[in-house]
Amino acid sequence: MTQLSNRPQTTNDPEFIASLLGDAGATWAVVGLTDSPDRVAKPIASFLKSELGMNVVPVNLRREPVNGDRAFGRIAEIPFDVDVVHVFVNGAAAVGVVAEVIRKGIKTIWFQKDVDGAEAVDAALKAGMNVVVDTCPSIEGRMRSLGWRM
């Protein structure tokens, strides 16, 4: 996966976001992704897969497949490399996700817009991770396809 530099991206660097969204074929683990049509994670994960060409790995406690993709109960269960972890869970659950991401050695984490995870974001930054917060890859991707920057 493309990295702009060795320094952690603290939050929402436009060039870094563009590099993430332009890295077709990257593997994104989406934590909180279920097959429920009422959850915002599903259309965003579908956008990542169908519009941007990402490999999407659902992560949910029930291990419920989404769009035919095998799901895992936790980040730690994923037996292959992951480029980005996209977080749709709040609070203590988000802190637990960050701990697993750190142990697995994943370098980039994206906290979905409106995820309440200040403690998790702080832990990710302290660990030197690349962190994107309070924005949405679907919105960012569509804006960029129109030539706009957020």
Protein backbone atom coordinates (compact mmCIF):
# COMPACT_ATOMS: atom_id res chain seq x y z
CA MET A 1 0.00 0.00 0.00
CA THR A 2 1.17 3.52 -0.78
CA GLN A 3 2.49 5.61 2.10
CA LEU A 4 3.38 9.27 1.62
CA SER A 5 5.99 9.32 4.36
CA ASN A 6 7.13 7.49 7.44
CA ARG A 7 5.45 9.96 9.78
CA PRO A 8 1.99 9.16 11.07
CA GLN A 9 -0.82 10.98 9.34
CA THR A 10 -2.55 12.60 12.27
CA THR A 11 -5.92 13.29 10.67
CA ASN A 12 -7.41 13.78 7.27
CA ASP A 13 -4.43 14.77 5.17
CA PRO A 14 -6.03 15.21 1.69
CA GLU A 15 -3.10 13.64 -0.17
CA PHE A 16 -3.05 10.66 2.16
CA ILE A 17 -6.81 10.14 1.82
CA ALA A 18 -6.45 10.33 -1.97
CA SER A 19 -3.69 7.70 -1.85
CA LEU A 20 -5.89 5.38 0.24
CA LEU A 21 -8.89 5.73 -2.05
CA GLY A 22 -6.76 5.37 -5.17
CA ASP A 23 -5.13 2.12 -4.07
CA ALA A 24 -7.45 -0.31 -5.91
CA GLY A 25 -7.01 -3.84 -4.70
CA ALA A 26 -6.14 -2.81 -1.15
CA THR A 27 -7.75 -4.84 1.61
CA TRP A 28 -10.10 -2.97 3.94
CA ALA A 29 -11.42 -4.69 7.07
CA VAL A 30 -14.72 -3.01 7.94
CA VAL A 31 -15.51 -3.38 11.64
CA GLY A 32 -19.23 -3.33 12.37
CA LEU A 33 -20.21 -4.35 8.83
CA THR A 34 -23.29 -6.58 8.76
CA ASP A 35 -25.82 -7.51 6.11
CA SER A 36 -28.42 -5.22 7.69
CA PRO A 37 -29.80 -2.68 5.20
CA ASP A 38 -30.45 -0.32 8.13
CA ARG A 39 -26.74 0.09 8.92
CA VAL A 40 -24.72 2.73 7.09
CA ALA A 41 -21.67 0.46 6.90
CA LYS A 42 -23.19 -1.73 4.18
CA PRO A 43 -23.57 0.89 1.39
CA ILE A 44 -20.18 2.39 2.23
CA ALA A 45 -18.50 -1.03 2.05
CA SER A 46 -20.32 -1.68 -1.24
CA PHE A 47 -18.91 1.61 -2.58
CA LEU A 48 -15.39 0.63 -1.53
CA LYS A 49 -15.75 -2.69 -3.33
CA SER A 50 -17.72 -1.82 -6.46
CA GLU A 51 -16.59 1.73 -7.17
CA LEU A 52 -13.02 1.76 -5.84
CA GLY A 53 -12.03 -1.88 -6.37
CA MET A 54 -11.10 -2.60 -2.76
CA ASN A 55 -11.17 -6.03 -1.18
CA VAL A 56 -13.67 -5.71 1.67
CA VAL A 57 -13.51 -7.96 4.72
CA PRO A 58 -16.56 -7.80 7.02
CA VAL A 59 -15.80 -7.89 10.74
CA ASN A 60 -18.78 -8.49 13.02
CA LEU A 61 -19.30 -10.51 16.18
CA ARG A 62 -21.79 -12.88 14.53
CA ARG A 63 -19.36 -13.60 11.68
CA GLU A 64 -22.25 -12.82 9.35
CA PRO A 65 -21.19 -12.83 5.66
CA VAL A 66 -21.94 -9.65 3.73
CA ASN A 67 -22.52 -9.63 -0.03
CA GLY A 68 -21.06 -13.13 -0.15
CA ASP A 69 -17.83 -12.09 1.59
CA ARG A 70 -16.62 -14.22 4.49
CA ALA A 71 -16.79 -12.37 7.80
CA PHE A 72 -14.55 -12.58 10.83
CA GLY A 73 -15.51 -11.94 14.45
CA ARG A 74 -12.43 -9.89 15.23
CA ILE A 75 -9.47 -8.31 13.45
CA ALA A 76 -7.20 -10.86 15.13
CA GLU A 77 -8.98 -13.72 13.29
CA ILE A 78 -8.17 -12.43 9.80
CA PRO A 79 -5.48 -14.78 8.40
CA PHE A 80 -4.13 -12.41 5.73
CA ASP A 81 -2.72 -8.88 5.48
CA VAL A 82 -5.05 -5.92 5.86
CA ASP A 83 -4.16 -2.45 4.56
CA VAL A 84 -6.86 -0.34 6.22
CA VAL A 85 -9.25 -0.93 9.10
CA HIS A 86 -12.49 1.06 8.76
CA VAL A 87 -14.26 1.46 12.12
CA PHE A 88 -18.03 1.74 12.53
CA VAL A 89 -18.18 0.93 16.26
CA ASN A 90 -18.09 3.39 19.16
CA GLY A 91 -16.47 3.86 22.54
CA ALA A 92 -14.97 0.87 24.30
CA ALA A 93 -15.49 -1.34 21.26
CA ALA A 94 -13.40 1.07 19.15
CA VAL A 95 -10.63 1.03 21.78
CA GLY A 96 -10.59 -2.77 21.60
CA VAL A 97 -10.39 -2.63 17.80
CA VAL A 98 -7.37 -0.31 17.99
CA ALA A 99 -5.62 -2.71 20.38
CA GLU A 100 -6.15 -5.59 17.92
CA VAL A 101 -5.03 -3.47 14.97
CA ILE A 102 -1.83 -2.54 16.81
CA ARG A 103 -1.11 -6.19 17.68
CA LYS A 104 -1.68 -7.25 14.06
CA GLY A 105 0.69 -4.53 12.81
CA ILE A 106 -1.83 -2.75 10.58
CA LYS A 107 -0.66 0.81 9.99
CA THR A 108 -3.81 2.66 8.86
CA ILE A 109 -7.17 3.10 10.56
CA TRP A 110 -10.18 5.12 9.38
CA PHE A 111 -12.84 6.11 11.91
CA GLN A 112 -16.14 6.63 10.10
CA LYS A 113 -17.83 10.02 10.33
CA ASP A 114 -19.77 10.35 13.61
CA VAL A 115 -18.03 7.42 15.32
CA ASP A 116 -17.56 8.39 18.97
CA GLY A 117 -14.05 7.16 19.56
CA ALA A 118 -11.80 9.92 20.95
CA GLU A 119 -9.98 7.48 23.24
CA ALA A 120 -9.50 5.03 20.36
CA VAL A 121 -8.21 7.77 18.04
CA ASP A 122 -5.76 8.90 20.73
CA ALA A 123 -4.51 5.32 21.21
CA ALA A 124 -4.02 4.90 17.45
CA LEU A 125 -2.09 8.16 17.19
CA LYS A 126 0.09 7.28 20.18
CA ALA A 127 0.90 3.97 18.46
CA GLY A 128 2.13 5.91 15.41
CA MET A 129 -0.66 4.78 13.11
CA ASN A 130 -1.97 6.65 10.09
CA VAL A 131 -5.38 7.89 11.26
CA VAL A 132 -8.34 9.32 9.34
CA VAL A 133 -11.28 10.58 11.40
CA ASP A 134 -14.78 12.01 11.06
CA THR A 135 -15.14 11.61 7.33
CA CYS A 136 -16.47 8.98 4.96
CA PRO A 137 -14.64 7.20 2.12
CA SER A 138 -17.83 7.19 0.05
CA ILE A 139 -18.21 10.97 0.32
CA GLU A 140 -14.48 11.56 -0.17
CA GLY A 141 -14.38 9.21 -3.18
CA ARG A 142 -17.39 10.77 -4.87
CA MET A 143 -16.10 14.30 -4.28
CA ARG A 144 -12.73 13.39 -5.78
CA SER A 145 -14.38 11.78 -8.81
CA LEU A 146 -16.00 15.15 -9.46
CA GLY A 147 -12.67 16.93 -9.05
CA TRP A 148 -13.63 18.46 -5.71
CA ARG A 149 -11.60 18.36 -2.50
CA MET A 150 -13.05 18.25 0.97
